[in-house]
């Protein structure tokens, strides 16, 4: 019988949690777009369940971006992923203030956060495409698809679902084969 070290068990658990976070992010955004509808997302935000679910999806995106950045690694990825995650996290709180408490002035902070998130996602996609080699260069498609989902809301749900399920598959690949994609 083979001995499994405690460190190996913790690493496997972390890989599974990372994959679950990525899959959950995609499912949350797909469900949000399916339930609220792409054209109704901002119009129906006066209802607390929609406000909370949209803010939760933004917060989940922030956590997934940080985890994705750690999975990809590298100095060139750190800054854009940190900025994108911070923008998504701030947007989550600002959305509650703006739509939940009906503070109209918070709209400008939300739009500013959205612009920062969009630029940081584009920067992240370019940074991954330029620094990674081989098939790992395809990891740039995940922030690029996330950016496309934000810019084109009617296709946002399926794009987010596909992008973050792909990130989940990469995380699982590293877990089961114990190697990064070549």
N, C-alpha and C. Protein backbone atom coordinates (compact mmCIF):
# COMPACT_ATOMS: atom_id res chain seq x y z
N UNK A 1 0.84 -1.16 0.00
CA UNK A 1 0.00 0.00 0.00
C UNK A 1 0.90 1.24 0.00
N UNK A 2 0.52 2.21 -0.84
CA UNK A 2 1.31 3.43 -0.98
C UNK A 2 0.95 4.41 0.14
N UNK A 3 1.96 5.12 0.56
CA UNK A 3 1.76 6.14 1.59
C UNK A 3 1.47 7.47 0.91
N UNK A 4 0.45 8.16 1.38
CA UNK A 4 0.09 9.48 0.85
C UNK A 4 0.38 10.50 1.94
N UNK A 5 1.25 11.43 1.64
CA UNK A 5 1.63 12.45 2.61
C UNK A 5 0.48 13.44 2.81
N UNK A 6 0.46 14.04 4.00
CA UNK A 6 -0.57 15.03 4.30
C UNK A 6 -0.52 16.21 3.34
N UNK A 7 0.69 16.60 2.92
CA UNK A 7 0.81 17.70 1.97
C UNK A 7 0.14 17.38 0.64
N UNK A 8 0.24 16.12 0.20
CA UNK A 8 -0.40 15.71 -1.04
C UNK A 8 -1.91 15.79 -0.93
N UNK A 9 -2.45 15.39 0.20
CA UNK A 9 -3.89 15.44 0.40
C UNK A 9 -4.38 16.88 0.39
N UNK A 10 -3.66 17.78 1.07
CA UNK A 10 -4.04 19.19 1.09
C UNK A 10 -3.94 19.80 -0.30
N UNK A 11 -2.93 19.44 -1.07
CA UNK A 11 -2.78 19.96 -2.42
C UNK A 11 -3.92 19.48 -3.31
N UNK A 12 -4.30 18.21 -3.16
CA UNK A 12 -5.41 17.69 -3.96
C UNK A 12 -6.72 18.38 -3.59
N UNK A 13 -6.94 18.60 -2.32
CA UNK A 13 -8.15 19.28 -1.87
C UNK A 13 -8.19 20.71 -2.41
N UNK A 14 -7.05 21.38 -2.41
CA UNK A 14 -6.98 22.74 -2.95
C UNK A 14 -7.27 22.79 -4.43
N UNK A 15 -6.75 21.81 -5.17
CA UNK A 15 -7.01 21.75 -6.61
C UNK A 15 -8.49 21.52 -6.89
N UNK A 16 -9.11 20.68 -6.11
CA UNK A 16 -10.55 20.40 -6.29
C UNK A 16 -11.37 21.64 -5.94
N UNK A 17 -11.00 22.35 -4.88
CA UNK A 17 -11.72 23.56 -4.51
C UNK A 17 -11.56 24.64 -5.58
N UNK A 18 -10.38 24.73 -6.15
CA UNK A 18 -10.15 25.69 -7.22
C UNK A 18 -11.03 25.37 -8.43
N UNK A 19 -11.09 24.10 -8.80
CA UNK A 19 -11.94 23.70 -9.93
C UNK A 19 -13.41 23.95 -9.62
N UNK A 20 -13.81 23.71 -8.39
CA UNK A 20 -15.19 23.95 -7.98
C UNK A 20 -15.52 25.45 -8.01
N UNK A 21 -14.59 26.30 -7.59
CA UNK A 21 -14.78 27.75 -7.65
C UNK A 21 -14.95 28.20 -9.09
N UNK A 22 -14.12 27.71 -9.99
CA UNK A 22 -14.21 28.09 -11.39
C UNK A 22 -15.55 27.65 -11.99
N UNK A 23 -15.93 26.41 -11.75
CA UNK A 23 -17.20 25.90 -12.28
C UNK A 23 -18.37 26.67 -11.68
N UNK A 24 -18.30 26.94 -10.40
CA UNK A 24 -19.36 27.69 -9.74
C UNK A 24 -19.51 29.10 -10.29
N UNK A 25 -18.40 29.72 -10.65
CA UNK A 25 -18.45 31.05 -11.24
C UNK A 25 -19.18 31.02 -12.58
N UNK A 26 -18.84 30.06 -13.41
CA UNK A 26 -19.51 29.94 -14.71
C UNK A 26 -20.99 29.65 -14.57
N UNK A 27 -21.32 28.74 -13.68
CA UNK A 27 -22.73 28.38 -13.45
C UNK A 27 -23.51 29.57 -12.88
N UNK A 28 -22.90 30.31 -11.96
CA UNK A 28 -23.58 31.47 -11.36
C UNK A 28 -23.90 32.52 -12.42
N UNK A 29 -22.94 32.84 -13.27
CA UNK A 29 -23.19 33.85 -14.31
C UNK A 29 -24.19 33.34 -15.34
N UNK A 30 -24.11 32.07 -15.70
CA UNK A 30 -25.08 31.51 -16.65
C UNK A 30 -26.48 31.55 -16.06
N UNK A 31 -26.61 31.16 -14.81
CA UNK A 31 -27.91 31.17 -14.13
C UNK A 31 -28.43 32.59 -14.00
N UNK A 32 -27.56 33.52 -13.65
CA UNK A 32 -27.96 34.92 -13.52
C UNK A 32 -28.51 35.44 -14.84
N UNK A 33 -27.83 35.16 -15.92
CA UNK A 33 -28.27 35.62 -17.24
C UNK A 33 -29.55 34.91 -17.67
N UNK A 34 -29.69 33.64 -17.31
CA UNK A 34 -30.86 32.86 -17.68
C UNK A 34 -32.09 33.31 -16.90
N UNK A 35 -31.93 33.56 -15.61
CA UNK A 35 -33.06 33.93 -14.75
C UNK A 35 -33.43 35.40 -14.95
N UNK A 36 -32.45 36.30 -14.85
CA UNK A 36 -32.74 37.72 -14.95
C UNK A 36 -32.86 38.18 -16.40
N UNK A 37 -32.22 37.47 -17.30
CA UNK A 37 -32.24 37.87 -18.71
C UNK A 37 -31.20 38.95 -18.97
N UNK A 38 -30.53 38.90 -20.11
CA UNK A 38 -29.47 39.86 -20.38
C UNK A 38 -29.95 41.30 -20.48
N UNK A 39 -31.15 41.52 -20.99
CA UNK A 39 -31.60 42.89 -21.12
C UNK A 39 -32.25 43.41 -19.84
N UNK A 40 -32.60 42.51 -18.93
CA UNK A 40 -33.29 42.92 -17.71
C UNK A 40 -32.35 43.04 -16.52
N UNK A 41 -31.09 42.70 -16.68
CA UNK A 41 -30.18 42.67 -15.54
C UNK A 41 -30.13 44.01 -14.81
N UNK A 42 -29.98 45.10 -15.54
CA UNK A 42 -29.93 46.40 -14.86
C UNK A 42 -31.32 46.97 -14.62
N UNK A 43 -32.28 46.67 -15.49
CA UNK A 43 -33.62 47.22 -15.33
C UNK A 43 -34.35 46.65 -14.12
N UNK A 44 -34.08 45.39 -13.77
CA UNK A 44 -34.81 44.76 -12.68
C UNK A 44 -34.02 44.74 -11.37
N UNK A 45 -32.98 45.53 -11.30
CA UNK A 45 -32.13 45.50 -10.12
C UNK A 45 -32.78 46.15 -8.89
N UNK A 46 -33.96 46.70 -9.03
CA UNK A 46 -34.64 47.29 -7.88
C UNK A 46 -35.10 46.21 -6.91
N UNK A 47 -35.15 44.98 -7.35
CA UNK A 47 -35.56 43.88 -6.49
C UNK A 47 -34.32 43.33 -5.78
N UNK A 48 -34.42 43.19 -4.47
CA UNK A 48 -33.28 42.75 -3.66
C UNK A 48 -32.71 41.41 -4.09
N UNK A 49 -33.51 40.39 -4.42
CA UNK A 49 -32.89 39.12 -4.84
C UNK A 49 -31.98 39.28 -6.06
N UNK A 50 -32.40 40.11 -7.01
CA UNK A 50 -31.56 40.33 -8.18
C UNK A 50 -30.30 41.13 -7.83
N UNK A 51 -30.46 42.10 -6.95
CA UNK A 51 -29.31 42.91 -6.53
C UNK A 51 -28.27 42.01 -5.85
N UNK A 52 -28.75 41.21 -4.91
CA UNK A 52 -27.84 40.33 -4.17
C UNK A 52 -27.21 39.28 -5.08
N UNK A 53 -27.98 38.70 -5.99
CA UNK A 53 -27.42 37.66 -6.86
C UNK A 53 -26.39 38.25 -7.82
N UNK A 54 -26.64 39.43 -8.36
CA UNK A 54 -25.66 40.05 -9.24
C UNK A 54 -24.40 40.43 -8.48
N UNK A 55 -24.55 40.96 -7.28
CA UNK A 55 -23.39 41.31 -6.46
C UNK A 55 -22.61 40.06 -6.06
N UNK A 56 -23.32 38.98 -5.75
CA UNK A 56 -22.65 37.72 -5.41
C UNK A 56 -21.89 37.18 -6.61
N UNK A 57 -22.47 37.30 -7.80
CA UNK A 57 -21.78 36.83 -9.02
C UNK A 57 -20.51 37.66 -9.26
N UNK A 58 -20.57 38.96 -9.02
CA UNK A 58 -19.38 39.80 -9.16
C UNK A 58 -18.31 39.42 -8.14
N UNK A 59 -18.73 39.16 -6.91
CA UNK A 59 -17.77 38.77 -5.88
C UNK A 59 -17.16 37.41 -6.20
N UNK A 60 -17.96 36.50 -6.70
CA UNK A 60 -17.46 35.19 -7.11
C UNK A 60 -16.46 35.33 -8.26
N UNK A 61 -16.74 36.24 -9.19
CA UNK A 61 -15.80 36.50 -10.28
C UNK A 61 -14.48 37.03 -9.74
N UNK A 62 -14.54 37.92 -8.75
CA UNK A 62 -13.31 38.46 -8.15
C UNK A 62 -12.48 37.34 -7.53
N UNK A 63 -13.11 36.45 -6.79
CA UNK A 63 -12.39 35.32 -6.18
C UNK A 63 -11.83 34.39 -7.25
N UNK A 64 -12.61 34.13 -8.29
CA UNK A 64 -12.15 33.25 -9.35
C UNK A 64 -10.97 33.86 -10.10
N UNK A 65 -10.99 35.16 -10.31
CA UNK A 65 -9.88 35.81 -11.01
C UNK A 65 -8.58 35.70 -10.22
N UNK A 66 -8.65 35.94 -8.92
CA UNK A 66 -7.45 35.82 -8.09
C UNK A 66 -6.92 34.39 -8.13
N UNK A 67 -7.81 33.44 -8.01
CA UNK A 67 -7.40 32.03 -8.03
C UNK A 67 -6.84 31.65 -9.39
N UNK A 68 -7.45 32.15 -10.45
CA UNK A 68 -6.95 31.89 -11.81
C UNK A 68 -5.55 32.47 -11.98
N UNK A 69 -5.35 33.68 -11.49
CA UNK A 69 -4.02 34.29 -11.57
C UNK A 69 -2.97 33.49 -10.85
N UNK A 70 -3.32 32.95 -9.69
CA UNK A 70 -2.36 32.11 -8.95
C UNK A 70 -2.10 30.82 -9.70
N UNK A 71 -3.12 30.27 -10.38
CA UNK A 71 -2.93 29.04 -11.13
C UNK A 71 -2.01 29.27 -12.33
N UNK A 72 -2.21 30.38 -13.04
CA UNK A 72 -1.37 30.69 -14.19
C UNK A 72 0.03 31.04 -13.73
N UNK A 73 0.13 31.89 -12.70
CA UNK A 73 1.42 32.27 -12.16
C UNK A 73 2.15 33.26 -13.05
N UNK A 74 3.25 33.74 -12.55
CA UNK A 74 4.07 34.66 -13.32
C UNK A 74 3.87 36.10 -12.90
N UNK A 75 4.96 36.86 -13.00
CA UNK A 75 4.92 38.26 -12.58
C UNK A 75 4.06 39.11 -13.50
N UNK A 76 4.02 38.79 -14.77
CA UNK A 76 3.26 39.63 -15.71
C UNK A 76 1.76 39.50 -15.53
N UNK A 77 1.32 38.47 -14.86
CA UNK A 77 -0.11 38.22 -14.65
C UNK A 77 -0.59 38.85 -13.34
N UNK A 78 0.30 39.03 -12.40
CA UNK A 78 -0.08 39.46 -11.05
C UNK A 78 -0.81 40.81 -11.04
N UNK A 79 -0.24 41.80 -11.70
CA UNK A 79 -0.85 43.14 -11.64
C UNK A 79 -2.23 43.19 -12.32
N UNK A 80 -2.39 42.71 -13.56
CA UNK A 80 -3.72 42.81 -14.17
C UNK A 80 -4.78 41.98 -13.45
N UNK A 81 -4.41 40.82 -12.93
CA UNK A 81 -5.40 40.00 -12.24
C UNK A 81 -5.80 40.64 -10.92
N UNK A 82 -4.86 41.29 -10.25
CA UNK A 82 -5.19 41.98 -9.00
C UNK A 82 -6.11 43.17 -9.26
N UNK A 83 -5.83 43.92 -10.30
CA UNK A 83 -6.68 45.06 -10.63
C UNK A 83 -8.07 44.60 -11.04
N UNK A 84 -8.15 43.55 -11.87
CA UNK A 84 -9.46 43.04 -12.31
C UNK A 84 -10.26 42.52 -11.12
N UNK A 85 -9.62 41.78 -10.24
CA UNK A 85 -10.33 41.23 -9.08
C UNK A 85 -10.78 42.35 -8.14
N UNK A 86 -9.94 43.35 -7.94
CA UNK A 86 -10.33 44.47 -7.08
C UNK A 86 -11.50 45.23 -7.68
N UNK A 87 -11.48 45.43 -8.98
CA UNK A 87 -12.58 46.14 -9.64
C UNK A 87 -13.88 45.35 -9.50
N UNK A 88 -13.82 44.04 -9.70
CA UNK A 88 -15.04 43.22 -9.56
C UNK A 88 -15.55 43.24 -8.13
N UNK A 89 -14.65 43.18 -7.16
CA UNK A 89 -15.06 43.23 -5.76
C UNK A 89 -15.69 44.55 -5.37
N UNK A 90 -15.09 45.64 -5.83
CA UNK A 90 -15.65 46.96 -5.54
C UNK A 90 -17.00 47.12 -6.24
N UNK A 91 -17.10 46.65 -7.47
CA UNK A 91 -18.38 46.72 -8.19
C UNK A 91 -19.47 45.96 -7.47
N UNK A 92 -19.11 44.87 -6.82
CA UNK A 92 -20.09 44.09 -6.06
C UNK A 92 -20.72 44.93 -4.96
N UNK A 93 -19.89 45.65 -4.22
CA UNK A 93 -20.38 46.50 -3.13
C UNK A 93 -21.13 47.71 -3.68
N UNK A 94 -20.57 48.33 -4.72
CA UNK A 94 -21.21 49.51 -5.31
C UNK A 94 -22.57 49.15 -5.90
N UNK A 95 -22.72 47.95 -6.44
CA UNK A 95 -24.01 47.53 -6.97
C UNK A 95 -25.08 47.50 -5.88
N UNK A 96 -24.71 47.02 -4.71
CA UNK A 96 -25.67 47.00 -3.59
C UNK A 96 -26.04 48.43 -3.19
N UNK A 97 -25.06 49.32 -3.14
CA UNK A 97 -25.34 50.72 -2.78
C UNK A 97 -26.21 51.38 -3.84
N UNK A 98 -25.84 51.16 -5.11
CA UNK A 98 -26.55 51.83 -6.20
C UNK A 98 -27.98 51.29 -6.37
N UNK A 99 -28.09 50.00 -6.62
CA UNK A 99 -29.40 49.43 -6.95
C UNK A 99 -30.20 49.02 -5.72
N UNK A 100 -29.52 48.56 -4.69
CA UNK A 100 -30.23 48.13 -3.49
C UNK A 100 -30.74 49.29 -2.67
N UNK A 101 -29.86 50.26 -2.42
CA UNK A 101 -30.24 51.42 -1.61
C UNK A 101 -30.64 52.62 -2.46
N UNK A 102 -30.60 52.45 -3.78
CA UNK A 102 -31.02 53.48 -4.74
C UNK A 102 -30.25 54.79 -4.60
N UNK A 103 -28.95 54.67 -4.45
CA UNK A 103 -28.08 55.84 -4.43
C UNK A 103 -27.60 56.05 -5.87
N UNK A 104 -28.23 56.98 -6.56
CA UNK A 104 -27.97 57.17 -7.99
C UNK A 104 -26.53 57.59 -8.28
N UNK A 105 -25.90 58.31 -7.39
CA UNK A 105 -24.53 58.77 -7.62
C UNK A 105 -23.54 57.61 -7.69
N UNK A 106 -23.88 56.48 -7.11
CA UNK A 106 -23.00 55.31 -7.15
C UNK A 106 -22.90 54.71 -8.55
N UNK A 107 -23.81 55.10 -9.43
CA UNK A 107 -23.78 54.60 -10.81
C UNK A 107 -22.44 54.92 -11.47
N UNK A 108 -21.92 56.10 -11.21
CA UNK A 108 -20.66 56.51 -11.83
C UNK A 108 -19.49 55.67 -11.31
N UNK A 109 -19.52 55.33 -10.05
CA UNK A 109 -18.49 54.44 -9.49
C UNK A 109 -18.60 53.05 -10.11
N UNK A 110 -19.83 52.59 -10.35
CA UNK A 110 -20.01 51.28 -10.98
C UNK A 110 -19.46 51.29 -12.40
N UNK A 111 -19.76 52.33 -13.16
CA UNK A 111 -19.27 52.43 -14.54
C UNK A 111 -17.75 52.52 -14.55
N UNK A 112 -17.17 53.27 -13.63
CA UNK A 112 -15.71 53.35 -13.55
C UNK A 112 -15.11 51.98 -13.23
N UNK A 113 -15.71 51.27 -12.29
CA UNK A 113 -15.26 49.92 -11.97
C UNK A 113 -15.38 48.99 -13.17
N UNK A 114 -16.45 49.13 -13.93
CA UNK A 114 -16.64 48.30 -15.13
C UNK A 114 -15.56 48.58 -16.17
N UNK A 115 -15.24 49.86 -16.36
CA UNK A 115 -14.18 50.20 -17.30
C UNK A 115 -12.83 49.65 -16.85
N UNK A 116 -12.55 49.77 -15.57
CA UNK A 116 -11.29 49.24 -15.04
C UNK A 116 -11.25 47.72 -15.19
N UNK A 117 -12.36 47.06 -14.90
CA UNK A 117 -12.42 45.60 -15.05
C UNK A 117 -12.19 45.20 -16.50
N UNK A 118 -12.84 45.89 -17.43
CA UNK A 118 -12.67 45.56 -18.85
C UNK A 118 -11.23 45.72 -19.32
N UNK A 119 -10.61 46.83 -18.96
CA UNK A 119 -9.22 47.07 -19.36
C UNK A 119 -8.29 46.03 -18.72
N UNK A 120 -8.52 45.72 -17.46
CA UNK A 120 -7.65 44.75 -16.77
C UNK A 120 -7.82 43.34 -17.35
N UNK A 121 -9.04 42.97 -17.72
CA UNK A 121 -9.24 41.66 -18.35
C UNK A 121 -8.54 41.58 -19.70
N UNK A 122 -8.62 42.65 -20.49
CA UNK A 122 -7.90 42.67 -21.76
C UNK A 122 -6.40 42.60 -21.56
N UNK A 123 -5.91 43.33 -20.58
CA UNK A 123 -4.49 43.33 -20.24
C UNK A 123 -4.06 41.93 -19.79
N UNK A 124 -4.89 41.29 -18.99
CA UNK A 124 -4.59 39.94 -18.51
C UNK A 124 -4.52 38.95 -19.66
N UNK A 125 -5.46 39.03 -20.59
CA UNK A 125 -5.46 38.12 -21.74
C UNK A 125 -4.19 38.31 -22.58
N UNK A 126 -3.82 39.55 -22.81
CA UNK A 126 -2.60 39.84 -23.59
C UNK A 126 -1.37 39.36 -22.84
N UNK A 127 -1.32 39.58 -21.54
CA UNK A 127 -0.15 39.17 -20.74
C UNK A 127 0.01 37.65 -20.78
N UNK A 128 -1.07 36.92 -20.67
CA UNK A 128 -0.98 35.45 -20.71
C UNK A 128 -0.55 35.00 -22.10
N UNK A 129 -1.15 35.59 -23.14
CA UNK A 129 -0.81 35.19 -24.52
C UNK A 129 0.65 35.48 -24.85
N UNK A 130 1.19 36.55 -24.29
CA UNK A 130 2.58 36.92 -24.60
C UNK A 130 3.61 36.14 -23.78
N UNK A 131 3.26 35.75 -22.56
CA UNK A 131 4.27 35.14 -21.70
C UNK A 131 4.22 33.61 -21.66
N UNK A 132 3.06 33.04 -21.89
CA UNK A 132 2.96 31.58 -21.84
C UNK A 132 3.39 30.98 -23.17
N UNK A 133 3.78 29.72 -23.10
CA UNK A 133 4.22 29.03 -24.31
C UNK A 133 3.35 27.80 -24.55
N UNK A 134 3.36 27.33 -25.77
CA UNK A 134 2.63 26.11 -26.11
C UNK A 134 1.13 26.25 -25.88
N UNK A 135 0.56 25.16 -25.40
CA UNK A 135 -0.89 25.15 -25.16
C UNK A 135 -1.30 26.02 -23.99
N UNK A 136 -0.38 26.33 -23.10
CA UNK A 136 -0.72 27.22 -21.97
C UNK A 136 -1.10 28.62 -22.46
N UNK A 137 -0.71 28.95 -23.66
CA UNK A 137 -1.09 30.24 -24.24
C UNK A 137 -2.61 30.33 -24.41
N UNK A 138 -3.26 29.17 -24.54
CA UNK A 138 -4.73 29.15 -24.67
C UNK A 138 -5.44 29.61 -23.41
N UNK A 139 -4.73 29.65 -22.28
CA UNK A 139 -5.34 30.15 -21.05
C UNK A 139 -5.77 31.61 -21.19
N UNK A 140 -5.21 32.32 -22.16
CA UNK A 140 -5.62 33.71 -22.41
C UNK A 140 -7.07 33.79 -22.86
N UNK A 141 -7.62 32.70 -23.35
CA UNK A 141 -9.02 32.69 -23.80
C UNK A 141 -9.99 32.88 -22.63
N UNK A 142 -9.58 32.51 -21.43
CA UNK A 142 -10.50 32.61 -20.28
C UNK A 142 -10.78 34.08 -19.92
N UNK A 143 -9.76 34.91 -19.69
CA UNK A 143 -10.10 36.32 -19.46
C UNK A 143 -10.67 37.01 -20.71
N UNK A 144 -10.26 36.57 -21.90
CA UNK A 144 -10.81 37.17 -23.12
C UNK A 144 -12.30 36.86 -23.25
N UNK A 145 -12.69 35.63 -22.95
CA UNK A 145 -14.11 35.27 -23.01
C UNK A 145 -14.91 35.97 -21.91
N UNK A 146 -14.29 36.15 -20.75
CA UNK A 146 -14.95 36.89 -19.67
C UNK A 146 -15.18 38.33 -20.09
N UNK A 147 -14.20 38.93 -20.73
CA UNK A 147 -14.35 40.29 -21.24
C UNK A 147 -15.45 40.35 -22.29
N UNK A 148 -15.47 39.40 -23.21
CA UNK A 148 -16.51 39.37 -24.24
C UNK A 148 -17.89 39.20 -23.63
N UNK A 149 -17.99 38.40 -22.57
CA UNK A 149 -19.28 38.20 -21.90
C UNK A 149 -19.78 39.48 -21.26
N UNK A 150 -18.86 40.28 -20.74
CA UNK A 150 -19.25 41.55 -20.11
C UNK A 150 -19.64 42.57 -21.18
N UNK A 151 -18.92 42.60 -22.28
CA UNK A 151 -19.18 43.58 -23.33
C UNK A 151 -20.40 43.23 -24.18
N UNK A 152 -20.74 41.95 -24.26
CA UNK A 152 -21.87 41.51 -25.08
C UNK A 152 -22.84 40.70 -24.21
N UNK A 153 -23.67 41.38 -23.41
CA UNK A 153 -24.53 40.69 -22.44
C UNK A 153 -25.46 39.61 -22.99
N UNK A 154 -26.02 39.72 -24.22
CA UNK A 154 -26.90 38.63 -24.65
C UNK A 154 -26.21 37.26 -24.71
N UNK A 155 -24.92 37.24 -24.96
CA UNK A 155 -24.19 35.98 -24.99
C UNK A 155 -23.37 35.78 -23.73
N UNK A 156 -23.55 36.66 -22.75
CA UNK A 156 -22.72 36.64 -21.55
C UNK A 156 -22.80 35.36 -20.75
N UNK A 157 -23.99 34.84 -20.55
CA UNK A 157 -24.15 33.63 -19.74
C UNK A 157 -23.40 32.43 -20.32
N UNK A 158 -23.67 32.08 -21.60
CA UNK A 158 -22.95 30.95 -22.19
C UNK A 158 -21.44 31.17 -22.29
N UNK A 159 -21.01 32.40 -22.57
CA UNK A 159 -19.57 32.68 -22.64
C UNK A 159 -18.90 32.49 -21.28
N UNK A 160 -19.51 33.02 -20.24
CA UNK A 160 -18.94 32.86 -18.89
C UNK A 160 -18.93 31.39 -18.48
N UNK A 161 -20.02 30.69 -18.79
CA UNK A 161 -20.08 29.27 -18.45
C UNK A 161 -18.97 28.50 -19.15
N UNK A 162 -18.81 28.72 -20.43
CA UNK A 162 -17.77 28.02 -21.18
C UNK A 162 -16.36 28.37 -20.72
N UNK A 163 -16.13 29.65 -20.48
CA UNK A 163 -14.79 30.09 -20.07
C UNK A 163 -14.40 29.49 -18.73
N UNK A 164 -15.30 29.58 -17.76
CA UNK A 164 -14.93 29.14 -16.42
C UNK A 164 -15.01 27.63 -16.25
N UNK A 165 -15.80 26.94 -17.09
CA UNK A 165 -15.73 25.47 -17.10
C UNK A 165 -14.41 25.02 -17.71
N UNK A 166 -13.91 25.77 -18.69
CA UNK A 166 -12.59 25.47 -19.25
C UNK A 166 -11.50 25.66 -18.20
N UNK A 167 -11.61 26.73 -17.41
CA UNK A 167 -10.65 26.95 -16.34
C UNK A 167 -10.73 25.83 -15.31
N UNK A 168 -11.93 25.35 -15.04
CA UNK A 168 -12.12 24.24 -14.12
C UNK A 168 -11.46 22.97 -14.66
N UNK A 169 -11.61 22.74 -15.95
CA UNK A 169 -11.00 21.56 -16.57
C UNK A 169 -9.47 21.63 -16.49
N UNK A 170 -8.91 22.83 -16.68
CA UNK A 170 -7.46 22.99 -16.56
C UNK A 170 -7.02 22.70 -15.13
N UNK A 171 -7.78 23.20 -14.16
CA UNK A 171 -7.44 22.95 -12.75
C UNK A 171 -7.52 21.47 -12.43
N UNK A 172 -8.51 20.79 -12.97
CA UNK A 172 -8.63 19.34 -12.73
C UNK A 172 -7.53 18.58 -13.45
N UNK A 173 -7.13 19.05 -14.59
CA UNK A 173 -6.05 18.38 -15.32
C UNK A 173 -4.77 18.42 -14.50
N UNK A 174 -4.50 19.57 -13.92
CA UNK A 174 -3.31 19.70 -13.08
C UNK A 174 -3.42 18.80 -11.86
N UNK A 175 -4.63 18.61 -11.37
CA UNK A 175 -4.82 17.79 -10.18
C UNK A 175 -4.63 16.31 -10.48
N UNK A 176 -5.24 15.82 -11.56
CA UNK A 176 -5.20 14.39 -11.84
C UNK A 176 -3.91 13.95 -12.51
N UNK A 177 -3.32 14.78 -13.34
CA UNK A 177 -2.08 14.40 -14.00
C UNK A 177 -0.87 15.01 -13.32
N UNK A 178 -1.13 15.85 -12.31
CA UNK A 178 -0.07 16.47 -11.52
C UNK A 178 0.97 17.16 -12.37
N UNK A 179 0.50 17.81 -13.43
CA UNK A 179 1.39 18.56 -14.28
C UNK A 179 0.60 19.71 -14.91
N UNK A 180 1.24 20.84 -15.12
CA UNK A 180 0.55 21.92 -15.82
C UNK A 180 0.40 21.56 -17.29
N UNK A 181 -0.58 22.11 -17.97
CA UNK A 181 -0.71 21.85 -19.41
C UNK A 181 0.53 22.30 -20.14
N UNK A 182 0.98 21.49 -21.08
CA UNK A 182 2.21 21.82 -21.83
C UNK A 182 1.96 22.77 -22.95
